[in-house]
Amino acid sequence: MKHYTPLKELTESKLKYAKLYLDELKKPEIKGSEIEKAHQYSFLFHLKGVMDAFLLEINEIYGLGLKKKHLTIDSLKSSKSDSKKPIKEGKKLGKLMEKENWLSELKSFDPNKLNAVKKVKKSKETDEPASVVEEKNPISVISIQEKFEDWHAKMETLISELRESALEASGNSLKK
């Protein structure tokens, strides 16, 4: 546990940086701009990075000794603690990575795939080109913001709960 504090700080920093970009996305003057897109991607980069940083924390808490390049939710699920018990935090993360869960959606989310695509079709009545906007996905900009806020809140709660659980299970509880 000698390297735990900097790992916990890295996880917390990623959460804080994601929140900074989330707050920037609320500014009306950036709506529809390249800056908004950049902030969306920065938010996603940091929020996805929270999980990577947290896996390092879990690795340290349980003293698993897994190399960073081999540290995944799957490797965590298959690892055993010193007491030879499965790591229940890995199991919970694995469930959240299943198809219909928010963490799975976060991992594969791309805001560019939500933007409307303009197609030109001929009008049936006049045989003239008519500009038509076809939605690839009916999620609006407002709901993207709400989705990001929801994900950030869920990530904060998840990290807090799993950190406490892991520290307790490993006998390294900070409440002692």
N, C-alpha and C. Protein backbone atom coordinates (compact mmCIF):
# COMPACT_ATOMS: atom_id res chain seq x y z
N MET A 1 0.82 -1.20 0.00
CA MET A 1 0.00 0.00 0.00
C MET A 1 0.86 1.26 0.00
N LYS A 2 2.16 1.11 -0.18
CA LYS A 2 3.01 2.30 -0.11
C LYS A 2 2.80 3.24 -1.30
N HIS A 3 2.27 2.73 -2.41
CA HIS A 3 2.03 3.57 -3.59
C HIS A 3 0.56 3.97 -3.73
N TYR A 4 -0.25 3.67 -2.71
CA TYR A 4 -1.69 3.87 -2.82
C TYR A 4 -2.10 5.34 -2.95
N THR A 5 -1.55 6.20 -2.12
CA THR A 5 -1.99 7.60 -2.10
C THR A 5 -1.86 8.28 -3.46
N PRO A 6 -0.74 8.17 -4.15
CA PRO A 6 -0.67 8.82 -5.48
C PRO A 6 -1.66 8.22 -6.49
N LEU A 7 -1.95 6.94 -6.36
CA LEU A 7 -2.92 6.30 -7.26
C LEU A 7 -4.32 6.81 -6.98
N LYS A 8 -4.66 6.95 -5.72
CA LYS A 8 -5.97 7.50 -5.36
C LYS A 8 -6.07 8.94 -5.85
N GLU A 9 -5.01 9.71 -5.71
CA GLU A 9 -5.00 11.10 -6.19
C GLU A 9 -5.18 11.18 -7.70
N LEU A 10 -4.60 10.22 -8.44
CA LEU A 10 -4.76 10.18 -9.89
C LEU A 10 -6.23 9.94 -10.25
N THR A 11 -6.86 9.01 -9.58
CA THR A 11 -8.28 8.73 -9.83
C THR A 11 -9.11 9.97 -9.53
N GLU A 12 -8.86 10.59 -8.39
CA GLU A 12 -9.61 11.79 -8.01
C GLU A 12 -9.36 12.94 -8.99
N SER A 13 -8.13 13.07 -9.47
CA SER A 13 -7.81 14.12 -10.45
C SER A 13 -8.59 13.92 -11.74
N LYS A 14 -8.66 12.68 -12.20
CA LYS A 14 -9.42 12.39 -13.43
C LYS A 14 -10.89 12.77 -13.26
N LEU A 15 -11.46 12.46 -12.10
CA LEU A 15 -12.85 12.85 -11.83
C LEU A 15 -13.00 14.37 -11.84
N LYS A 16 -12.04 15.04 -11.23
CA LYS A 16 -12.09 16.50 -11.16
C LYS A 16 -11.93 17.12 -12.54
N TYR A 17 -11.03 16.59 -13.37
CA TYR A 17 -10.83 17.14 -14.72
C TYR A 17 -12.08 16.92 -15.57
N ALA A 18 -12.70 15.75 -15.44
CA ALA A 18 -13.94 15.49 -16.18
C ALA A 18 -15.00 16.51 -15.77
N LYS A 19 -15.08 16.81 -14.49
CA LYS A 19 -16.05 17.78 -13.99
C LYS A 19 -15.76 19.18 -14.54
N LEU A 20 -14.50 19.54 -14.66
CA LEU A 20 -14.14 20.85 -15.24
C LEU A 20 -14.67 20.97 -16.67
N TYR A 21 -14.49 19.93 -17.47
CA TYR A 21 -14.99 19.96 -18.85
C TYR A 21 -16.50 19.90 -18.89
N LEU A 22 -17.11 19.19 -17.97
CA LEU A 22 -18.57 19.15 -17.88
C LEU A 22 -19.11 20.55 -17.60
N ASP A 23 -18.47 21.27 -16.70
CA ASP A 23 -18.89 22.64 -16.40
C ASP A 23 -18.70 23.56 -17.61
N GLU A 24 -17.63 23.37 -18.36
CA GLU A 24 -17.38 24.18 -19.56
C GLU A 24 -18.47 23.93 -20.61
N LEU A 25 -18.97 22.71 -20.68
CA LEU A 25 -20.00 22.38 -21.66
C LEU A 25 -21.33 23.07 -21.38
N LYS A 26 -21.49 23.59 -20.19
CA LYS A 26 -22.73 24.29 -19.82
C LYS A 26 -22.76 25.73 -20.33
N LYS A 27 -21.62 26.22 -20.81
CA LYS A 27 -21.56 27.60 -21.28
C LYS A 27 -22.28 27.73 -22.62
N PRO A 28 -23.30 28.60 -22.68
CA PRO A 28 -24.09 28.71 -23.92
C PRO A 28 -23.29 29.22 -25.11
N GLU A 29 -22.23 29.98 -24.89
CA GLU A 29 -21.48 30.55 -26.02
C GLU A 29 -20.68 29.51 -26.81
N ILE A 30 -20.52 28.31 -26.29
CA ILE A 30 -19.77 27.30 -27.04
C ILE A 30 -20.67 26.31 -27.77
N LYS A 31 -21.98 26.38 -27.56
CA LYS A 31 -22.90 25.42 -28.18
C LYS A 31 -22.74 25.39 -29.70
N GLY A 32 -22.57 24.20 -30.23
CA GLY A 32 -22.47 24.02 -31.66
C GLY A 32 -21.10 24.31 -32.25
N SER A 33 -20.14 24.64 -31.42
CA SER A 33 -18.81 25.01 -31.92
C SER A 33 -17.83 23.84 -31.82
N GLU A 34 -16.68 24.05 -32.42
CA GLU A 34 -15.60 23.06 -32.31
C GLU A 34 -15.11 22.96 -30.87
N ILE A 35 -15.20 24.06 -30.13
CA ILE A 35 -14.80 24.05 -28.72
C ILE A 35 -15.70 23.10 -27.94
N GLU A 36 -17.00 23.11 -28.25
CA GLU A 36 -17.92 22.20 -27.58
C GLU A 36 -17.51 20.75 -27.85
N LYS A 37 -17.21 20.46 -29.10
CA LYS A 37 -16.79 19.09 -29.46
C LYS A 37 -15.52 18.70 -28.71
N ALA A 38 -14.56 19.63 -28.67
CA ALA A 38 -13.30 19.36 -27.97
C ALA A 38 -13.55 19.09 -26.49
N HIS A 39 -14.45 19.86 -25.90
CA HIS A 39 -14.76 19.67 -24.48
C HIS A 39 -15.49 18.35 -24.25
N GLN A 40 -16.35 17.95 -25.18
CA GLN A 40 -17.03 16.66 -25.05
C GLN A 40 -16.00 15.53 -25.05
N TYR A 41 -15.07 15.59 -26.00
CA TYR A 41 -14.06 14.54 -26.06
C TYR A 41 -13.13 14.57 -24.86
N SER A 42 -12.81 15.76 -24.36
CA SER A 42 -11.96 15.86 -23.17
C SER A 42 -12.67 15.30 -21.95
N PHE A 43 -13.96 15.60 -21.82
CA PHE A 43 -14.75 15.05 -20.73
C PHE A 43 -14.70 13.52 -20.79
N LEU A 44 -14.99 12.96 -21.96
CA LEU A 44 -15.01 11.51 -22.12
C LEU A 44 -13.64 10.89 -21.85
N PHE A 45 -12.58 11.54 -22.32
CA PHE A 45 -11.22 11.06 -22.10
C PHE A 45 -10.94 10.92 -20.60
N HIS A 46 -11.27 11.97 -19.85
CA HIS A 46 -10.98 11.93 -18.42
C HIS A 46 -11.91 10.99 -17.66
N LEU A 47 -13.19 10.95 -18.03
CA LEU A 47 -14.10 10.06 -17.32
C LEU A 47 -13.77 8.60 -17.59
N LYS A 48 -13.41 8.28 -18.82
CA LYS A 48 -12.98 6.91 -19.13
C LYS A 48 -11.66 6.61 -18.40
N GLY A 49 -10.83 7.61 -18.27
CA GLY A 49 -9.55 7.46 -17.58
C GLY A 49 -9.70 7.20 -16.09
N VAL A 50 -10.83 7.61 -15.52
CA VAL A 50 -11.09 7.35 -14.10
C VAL A 50 -11.03 5.84 -13.86
N MET A 51 -11.64 5.08 -14.75
CA MET A 51 -11.69 3.63 -14.56
C MET A 51 -10.29 3.03 -14.65
N ASP A 52 -9.50 3.49 -15.61
CA ASP A 52 -8.13 2.97 -15.73
C ASP A 52 -7.32 3.29 -14.48
N ALA A 53 -7.47 4.51 -13.97
CA ALA A 53 -6.75 4.90 -12.76
C ALA A 53 -7.24 4.09 -11.56
N PHE A 54 -8.53 3.85 -11.50
CA PHE A 54 -9.09 3.11 -10.38
C PHE A 54 -8.62 1.65 -10.39
N LEU A 55 -8.46 1.08 -11.57
CA LEU A 55 -7.94 -0.30 -11.64
C LEU A 55 -6.54 -0.36 -11.03
N LEU A 56 -5.75 0.68 -11.24
CA LEU A 56 -4.42 0.73 -10.61
C LEU A 56 -4.55 0.77 -9.09
N GLU A 57 -5.53 1.52 -8.62
CA GLU A 57 -5.80 1.58 -7.17
C GLU A 57 -6.13 0.19 -6.62
N ILE A 58 -7.05 -0.48 -7.27
CA ILE A 58 -7.48 -1.82 -6.83
C ILE A 58 -6.29 -2.78 -6.84
N ASN A 59 -5.48 -2.71 -7.86
CA ASN A 59 -4.28 -3.53 -7.97
C ASN A 59 -3.39 -3.31 -6.76
N GLU A 60 -3.23 -2.07 -6.36
CA GLU A 60 -2.39 -1.74 -5.20
C GLU A 60 -3.05 -2.14 -3.89
N ILE A 61 -4.33 -1.87 -3.74
CA ILE A 61 -5.05 -2.20 -2.50
C ILE A 61 -4.93 -3.69 -2.20
N TYR A 62 -5.13 -4.52 -3.20
CA TYR A 62 -5.09 -5.97 -3.00
C TYR A 62 -3.69 -6.55 -3.17
N GLY A 63 -2.74 -5.73 -3.57
CA GLY A 63 -1.38 -6.23 -3.76
C GLY A 63 -1.29 -7.29 -4.83
N LEU A 64 -2.02 -7.11 -5.92
CA LEU A 64 -2.09 -8.13 -6.97
C LEU A 64 -0.82 -8.22 -7.80
N GLY A 65 -0.13 -7.12 -7.94
CA GLY A 65 1.11 -7.12 -8.71
C GLY A 65 0.92 -7.26 -10.22
N LEU A 66 -0.29 -6.97 -10.70
CA LEU A 66 -0.52 -7.04 -12.15
C LEU A 66 0.19 -5.88 -12.84
N LYS A 67 0.79 -6.16 -13.96
CA LYS A 67 1.44 -5.11 -14.75
C LYS A 67 0.37 -4.20 -15.35
N LYS A 68 0.70 -2.93 -15.46
CA LYS A 68 -0.26 -1.94 -15.95
C LYS A 68 -0.87 -2.34 -17.29
N LYS A 69 -0.05 -2.85 -18.21
CA LYS A 69 -0.55 -3.20 -19.54
C LYS A 69 -1.49 -4.41 -19.52
N HIS A 70 -1.46 -5.18 -18.43
CA HIS A 70 -2.34 -6.35 -18.31
C HIS A 70 -3.51 -6.11 -17.37
N LEU A 71 -3.63 -4.88 -16.89
CA LEU A 71 -4.65 -4.56 -15.90
C LEU A 71 -5.94 -4.14 -16.59
N THR A 72 -6.91 -5.02 -16.55
CA THR A 72 -8.23 -4.78 -17.15
C THR A 72 -9.29 -5.25 -16.15
N ILE A 73 -10.51 -4.93 -16.45
CA ILE A 73 -11.60 -5.42 -15.60
C ILE A 73 -11.62 -6.95 -15.64
N ASP A 74 -11.38 -7.54 -16.79
CA ASP A 74 -11.37 -9.00 -16.90
C ASP A 74 -10.23 -9.61 -16.08
N SER A 75 -9.03 -9.01 -16.13
CA SER A 75 -7.92 -9.56 -15.35
C SER A 75 -8.19 -9.40 -13.85
N LEU A 76 -8.87 -8.34 -13.48
CA LEU A 76 -9.24 -8.12 -12.09
C LEU A 76 -10.27 -9.17 -11.65
N LYS A 77 -11.25 -9.45 -12.52
CA LYS A 77 -12.27 -10.45 -12.20
C LYS A 77 -11.65 -11.83 -11.98
N SER A 78 -10.61 -12.14 -12.71
CA SER A 78 -10.01 -13.47 -12.60
C SER A 78 -8.92 -13.54 -11.52
N SER A 79 -8.56 -12.41 -10.93
CA SER A 79 -7.55 -12.40 -9.86
C SER A 79 -8.17 -12.79 -8.53
N LYS A 80 -7.31 -13.20 -7.62
CA LYS A 80 -7.74 -13.56 -6.27
C LYS A 80 -6.97 -12.69 -5.27
N SER A 81 -7.64 -12.36 -4.18
CA SER A 81 -6.99 -11.60 -3.12
C SER A 81 -6.06 -12.53 -2.34
N ASP A 82 -5.35 -11.97 -1.38
CA ASP A 82 -4.45 -12.79 -0.54
C ASP A 82 -5.19 -13.91 0.17
N SER A 83 -6.47 -13.68 0.47
CA SER A 83 -7.27 -14.69 1.15
C SER A 83 -7.85 -15.70 0.15
N LYS A 84 -7.42 -15.63 -1.07
CA LYS A 84 -7.85 -16.54 -2.15
C LYS A 84 -9.31 -16.35 -2.54
N LYS A 85 -9.91 -15.25 -2.09
CA LYS A 85 -11.30 -14.94 -2.46
C LYS A 85 -11.29 -14.11 -3.74
N PRO A 86 -12.31 -14.32 -4.58
CA PRO A 86 -12.41 -13.47 -5.77
C PRO A 86 -12.58 -12.00 -5.35
N ILE A 87 -12.14 -11.13 -6.19
CA ILE A 87 -12.24 -9.70 -5.91
C ILE A 87 -13.61 -9.23 -6.37
N LYS A 88 -14.47 -8.96 -5.38
CA LYS A 88 -15.87 -8.66 -5.70
C LYS A 88 -16.02 -7.35 -6.48
N GLU A 89 -15.09 -6.43 -6.34
CA GLU A 89 -15.15 -5.18 -7.10
C GLU A 89 -14.99 -5.45 -8.59
N GLY A 90 -14.18 -6.44 -8.94
CA GLY A 90 -14.02 -6.84 -10.34
C GLY A 90 -15.31 -7.40 -10.91
N LYS A 91 -16.01 -8.17 -10.08
CA LYS A 91 -17.28 -8.75 -10.51
C LYS A 91 -18.30 -7.63 -10.78
N LYS A 92 -18.37 -6.65 -9.88
CA LYS A 92 -19.32 -5.55 -10.05
C LYS A 92 -18.98 -4.74 -11.30
N LEU A 93 -17.71 -4.45 -11.51
CA LEU A 93 -17.31 -3.71 -12.70
C LEU A 93 -17.62 -4.50 -13.97
N GLY A 94 -17.41 -5.80 -13.91
CA GLY A 94 -17.72 -6.66 -15.05
C GLY A 94 -19.19 -6.60 -15.42
N LYS A 95 -20.06 -6.60 -14.41
CA LYS A 95 -21.51 -6.49 -14.66
C LYS A 95 -21.84 -5.16 -15.32
N LEU A 96 -21.19 -4.09 -14.86
CA LEU A 96 -21.45 -2.76 -15.43
C LEU A 96 -20.94 -2.64 -16.87
N MET A 97 -20.04 -3.50 -17.26
CA MET A 97 -19.51 -3.48 -18.63
C MET A 97 -20.38 -4.29 -19.59
N GLU A 98 -21.41 -4.93 -19.06
CA GLU A 98 -22.32 -5.67 -19.93
C GLU A 98 -23.11 -4.69 -20.79
N LYS A 99 -23.67 -5.21 -21.83
CA LYS A 99 -24.29 -4.42 -22.89
C LYS A 99 -25.23 -3.30 -22.45
N GLU A 100 -26.11 -3.53 -21.53
CA GLU A 100 -27.16 -2.57 -21.20
C GLU A 100 -26.84 -1.67 -20.01
N ASN A 101 -25.60 -1.50 -19.65
CA ASN A 101 -25.26 -0.69 -18.49
C ASN A 101 -24.55 0.60 -18.88
N TRP A 102 -24.60 1.57 -18.00
CA TRP A 102 -24.06 2.90 -18.28
C TRP A 102 -22.55 2.88 -18.51
N LEU A 103 -21.80 2.04 -17.79
CA LEU A 103 -20.35 2.02 -17.96
C LEU A 103 -19.96 1.47 -19.33
N SER A 104 -20.70 0.48 -19.79
CA SER A 104 -20.48 -0.06 -21.13
C SER A 104 -20.76 1.01 -22.19
N GLU A 105 -21.85 1.73 -22.00
CA GLU A 105 -22.20 2.80 -22.94
C GLU A 105 -21.14 3.90 -22.95
N LEU A 106 -20.66 4.25 -21.77
CA LEU A 106 -19.60 5.27 -21.66
C LEU A 106 -18.36 4.84 -22.44
N LYS A 107 -17.94 3.60 -22.27
CA LYS A 107 -16.71 3.12 -22.90
C LYS A 107 -16.76 3.20 -24.43
N SER A 108 -17.94 3.09 -25.02
CA SER A 108 -18.04 3.08 -26.48
C SER A 108 -18.68 4.34 -27.05
N PHE A 109 -18.95 5.32 -26.21
CA PHE A 109 -19.68 6.51 -26.64
C PHE A 109 -18.82 7.42 -27.53
N ASP A 110 -19.40 7.88 -28.63
CA ASP A 110 -18.74 8.81 -29.54
C ASP A 110 -19.74 9.89 -29.94
N PRO A 111 -19.54 11.14 -29.46
CA PRO A 111 -20.49 12.21 -29.78
C PRO A 111 -20.65 12.46 -31.27
N ASN A 112 -19.63 12.20 -32.07
CA ASN A 112 -19.73 12.42 -33.52
C ASN A 112 -20.78 11.54 -34.16
N LYS A 113 -21.03 10.38 -33.59
CA LYS A 113 -22.01 9.48 -34.17
C LYS A 113 -23.43 9.94 -33.92
N LEU A 114 -23.59 10.99 -33.10
CA LEU A 114 -24.92 11.49 -32.78
C LEU A 114 -25.31 12.69 -33.62
N ASN A 115 -24.36 13.29 -34.30
CA ASN A 115 -24.65 14.49 -35.07
C ASN A 115 -25.54 14.17 -36.27
N ALA A 116 -26.40 15.09 -36.59
CA ALA A 116 -27.31 14.91 -37.73
C ALA A 116 -26.52 14.95 -39.03
N VAL A 117 -27.00 14.21 -40.00
CA VAL A 117 -26.37 14.16 -41.31
C VAL A 117 -27.35 14.76 -42.32
N LYS A 118 -26.85 15.70 -43.12
CA LYS A 118 -27.73 16.29 -44.14
C LYS A 118 -27.67 15.43 -45.40
N LYS A 119 -28.84 15.13 -45.91
CA LYS A 119 -28.93 14.39 -47.16
C LYS A 119 -29.81 15.19 -48.11
N VAL A 120 -29.49 15.10 -49.36
CA VAL A 120 -30.31 15.78 -50.35
C VAL A 120 -31.18 14.73 -51.03
N LYS A 121 -32.48 14.97 -50.98
CA LYS A 121 -33.42 14.07 -51.65
C LYS A 121 -34.27 14.91 -52.59
N LYS A 122 -34.77 14.25 -53.59
CA LYS A 122 -35.67 14.96 -54.51
C LYS A 122 -37.07 14.92 -53.95
N SER A 123 -37.72 16.06 -54.03
CA SER A 123 -39.10 16.16 -53.58
C SER A 123 -39.98 15.36 -54.53
N LYS A 124 -40.92 14.61 -53.98
CA LYS A 124 -41.80 13.77 -54.81
C LYS A 124 -42.71 14.62 -55.68
N GLU A 125 -43.10 15.79 -55.13
CA GLU A 125 -44.05 16.62 -55.87
C GLU A 125 -43.40 17.43 -56.99
N THR A 126 -42.22 17.98 -56.74
CA THR A 126 -41.63 18.92 -57.70
C THR A 126 -40.41 18.39 -58.43
N ASP A 127 -39.91 17.23 -58.02
CA ASP A 127 -38.69 16.67 -58.58
C ASP A 127 -37.49 17.61 -58.38
N GLU A 128 -37.60 18.53 -57.42
CA GLU A 128 -36.52 19.45 -57.06
C GLU A 128 -35.79 18.88 -55.85
N PRO A 129 -34.48 19.19 -55.73
CA PRO A 129 -33.77 18.73 -54.52
C PRO A 129 -34.35 19.42 -53.28
N ALA A 130 -34.52 18.65 -52.26
CA ALA A 130 -35.01 19.18 -50.98
C ALA A 130 -34.01 18.78 -49.90
N SER A 131 -33.65 19.71 -49.06
CA SER A 131 -32.70 19.42 -47.99
C SER A 131 -33.44 18.72 -46.85
N VAL A 132 -32.96 17.56 -46.50
CA VAL A 132 -33.58 16.78 -45.44
C VAL A 132 -32.52 16.46 -44.40
N VAL A 133 -32.87 16.59 -43.13
CA VAL A 133 -31.95 16.21 -42.07
C VAL A 133 -32.40 14.88 -41.52
N GLU A 134 -31.49 13.93 -41.56
CA GLU A 134 -31.79 12.60 -41.06
C GLU A 134 -30.96 12.37 -39.80
N GLU A 135 -31.60 11.99 -38.72
CA GLU A 135 -30.91 11.74 -37.47
C GLU A 135 -30.32 10.33 -37.47
N LYS A 136 -29.04 10.22 -37.11
CA LYS A 136 -28.44 8.91 -36.93
C LYS A 136 -28.92 8.31 -35.62
N ASN A 137 -29.11 9.16 -34.64
CA ASN A 137 -29.53 8.74 -33.31
C ASN A 137 -30.33 9.88 -32.72
N PRO A 138 -31.48 9.65 -32.17
CA PRO A 138 -32.35 10.74 -31.73
C PRO A 138 -31.96 11.40 -30.41
N ILE A 139 -30.71 11.32 -29.99
CA ILE A 139 -30.28 11.96 -28.74
C ILE A 139 -29.98 13.42 -29.03
N SER A 140 -30.60 14.31 -28.31
CA SER A 140 -30.37 15.74 -28.52
C SER A 140 -29.16 16.21 -27.73
N VAL A 141 -28.71 17.43 -28.05
CA VAL A 141 -27.58 18.02 -27.35
C VAL A 141 -27.89 18.13 -25.86
N ILE A 142 -29.12 18.49 -25.54
CA ILE A 142 -29.53 18.61 -24.14
C ILE A 142 -29.35 17.26 -23.44
N SER A 143 -29.78 16.19 -24.07
CA SER A 143 -29.68 14.90 -23.40
C SER A 143 -28.24 14.40 -23.33
N ILE A 144 -27.38 14.83 -24.22
CA ILE A 144 -25.95 14.49 -24.11
C ILE A 144 -25.41 15.10 -22.83
N GLN A 145 -25.74 16.36 -22.59
CA GLN A 145 -25.31 17.04 -21.37
C GLN A 145 -25.83 16.29 -20.14
N GLU A 146 -27.11 15.94 -20.18
CA GLU A 146 -27.70 15.21 -19.05
C GLU A 146 -27.04 13.84 -18.88
N LYS A 147 -26.77 13.18 -19.99
CA LYS A 147 -26.11 11.87 -19.96
C LYS A 147 -24.72 12.01 -19.33
N PHE A 148 -23.96 13.03 -19.73
CA PHE A 148 -22.64 13.25 -19.16
C PHE A 148 -22.71 13.52 -17.66
N GLU A 149 -23.67 14.34 -17.26
CA GLU A 149 -23.84 14.64 -15.83
C GLU A 149 -24.19 13.37 -15.05
N ASP A 150 -25.07 12.56 -15.61
CA ASP A 150 -25.46 11.31 -14.98
C ASP A 150 -24.26 10.37 -14.86
N TRP A 151 -23.50 10.23 -15.93
CA TRP A 151 -22.32 9.36 -15.89
C TRP A 151 -21.31 9.83 -14.86
N HIS A 152 -21.09 11.13 -14.79
CA HIS A 152 -20.12 11.65 -13.83
C HIS A 152 -20.57 11.35 -12.40
N ALA A 153 -21.84 11.59 -12.12
CA ALA A 153 -22.38 11.31 -10.78
C ALA A 153 -22.28 9.82 -10.45
N LYS A 154 -22.63 8.98 -11.41
CA LYS A 154 -22.55 7.53 -11.19
C LYS A 154 -21.11 7.08 -10.98
N MET A 155 -20.18 7.67 -11.73
CA MET A 155 -18.77 7.30 -11.59
C MET A 155 -18.26 7.69 -10.20
N GLU A 156 -18.60 8.89 -9.74
CA GLU A 156 -18.18 9.32 -8.39
C GLU A 156 -18.69 8.35 -7.33
N THR A 157 -19.96 8.00 -7.43
CA THR A 157 -20.57 7.08 -6.46
C THR A 157 -19.91 5.70 -6.54
N LEU A 158 -19.75 5.20 -7.76
CA LEU A 158 -19.15 3.88 -7.96
C LEU A 158 -17.74 3.81 -7.38
N ILE A 159 -16.92 4.78 -7.69
CA ILE A 159 -15.54 4.78 -7.21
C ILE A 159 -15.51 4.82 -5.69
N SER A 160 -16.32 5.67 -5.12
CA SER A 160 -16.36 5.79 -3.66
C SER A 160 -16.77 4.46 -3.01
N GLU A 161 -17.83 3.85 -3.51
CA GLU A 161 -18.31 2.59 -2.95
C GLU A 161 -17.32 1.46 -3.13
N LEU A 162 -16.75 1.34 -4.34
CA LEU A 162 -15.81 0.24 -4.59
C LEU A 162 -14.49 0.44 -3.85
N ARG A 163 -14.07 1.67 -3.72
CA ARG A 163 -12.83 1.95 -2.98
C ARG A 163 -13.01 1.53 -1.52
N GLU A 164 -14.12 1.93 -0.93
CA GLU A 164 -14.39 1.59 0.47
C GLU A 164 -14.49 0.07 0.63
N SER A 165 -15.19 -0.58 -0.30
CA SER A 165 -15.34 -2.03 -0.26
C SER A 165 -13.99 -2.74 -0.36
N ALA A 166 -13.16 -2.29 -1.29
CA ALA A 166 -11.85 -2.93 -1.49
C ALA A 166 -10.94 -2.72 -0.27
N LEU A 167 -10.94 -1.51 0.25
CA LEU A 167 -10.09 -1.25 1.42
C LEU A 167 -10.53 -2.10 2.61
N GLU A 168 -11.84 -2.24 2.79
CA GLU A 168 -12.36 -3.06 3.87
C GLU A 168 -12.01 -4.54 3.66
N ALA A 169 -12.27 -5.04 2.46
CA ALA A 169 -12.04 -6.45 2.16
C ALA A 169 -10.55 -6.83 2.26
N SER A 170 -9.70 -5.88 1.93
CA SER A 170 -8.26 -6.17 1.96
C SER A 170 -7.65 -5.97 3.34
N GLY A 171 -8.45 -5.45 4.27
CA GLY A 171 -7.92 -5.19 5.62
C GLY A 171 -7.15 -3.88 5.70
N ASN A 172 -7.27 -3.05 4.68
CA ASN A 172 -6.53 -1.78 4.66
C ASN A 172 -7.46 -0.58 4.84
N SER A 173 -8.59 -0.80 5.50
CA SER A 173 -9.58 0.27 5.66
C SER A 173 -8.95 1.53 6.25
N LEU A 174 -9.30 2.66 5.67
CA LEU A 174 -8.78 3.94 6.14
C LEU A 174 -9.54 4.42 7.38
N LYS A 175 -10.59 3.70 7.77
CA LYS A 175 -11.40 4.09 8.93
C LYS A 175 -10.79 3.63 10.24
N LYS A 176 -9.73 2.86 10.20
CA LYS A 176 -9.11 2.34 11.42
C LYS A 176 -8.52 3.44 12.26
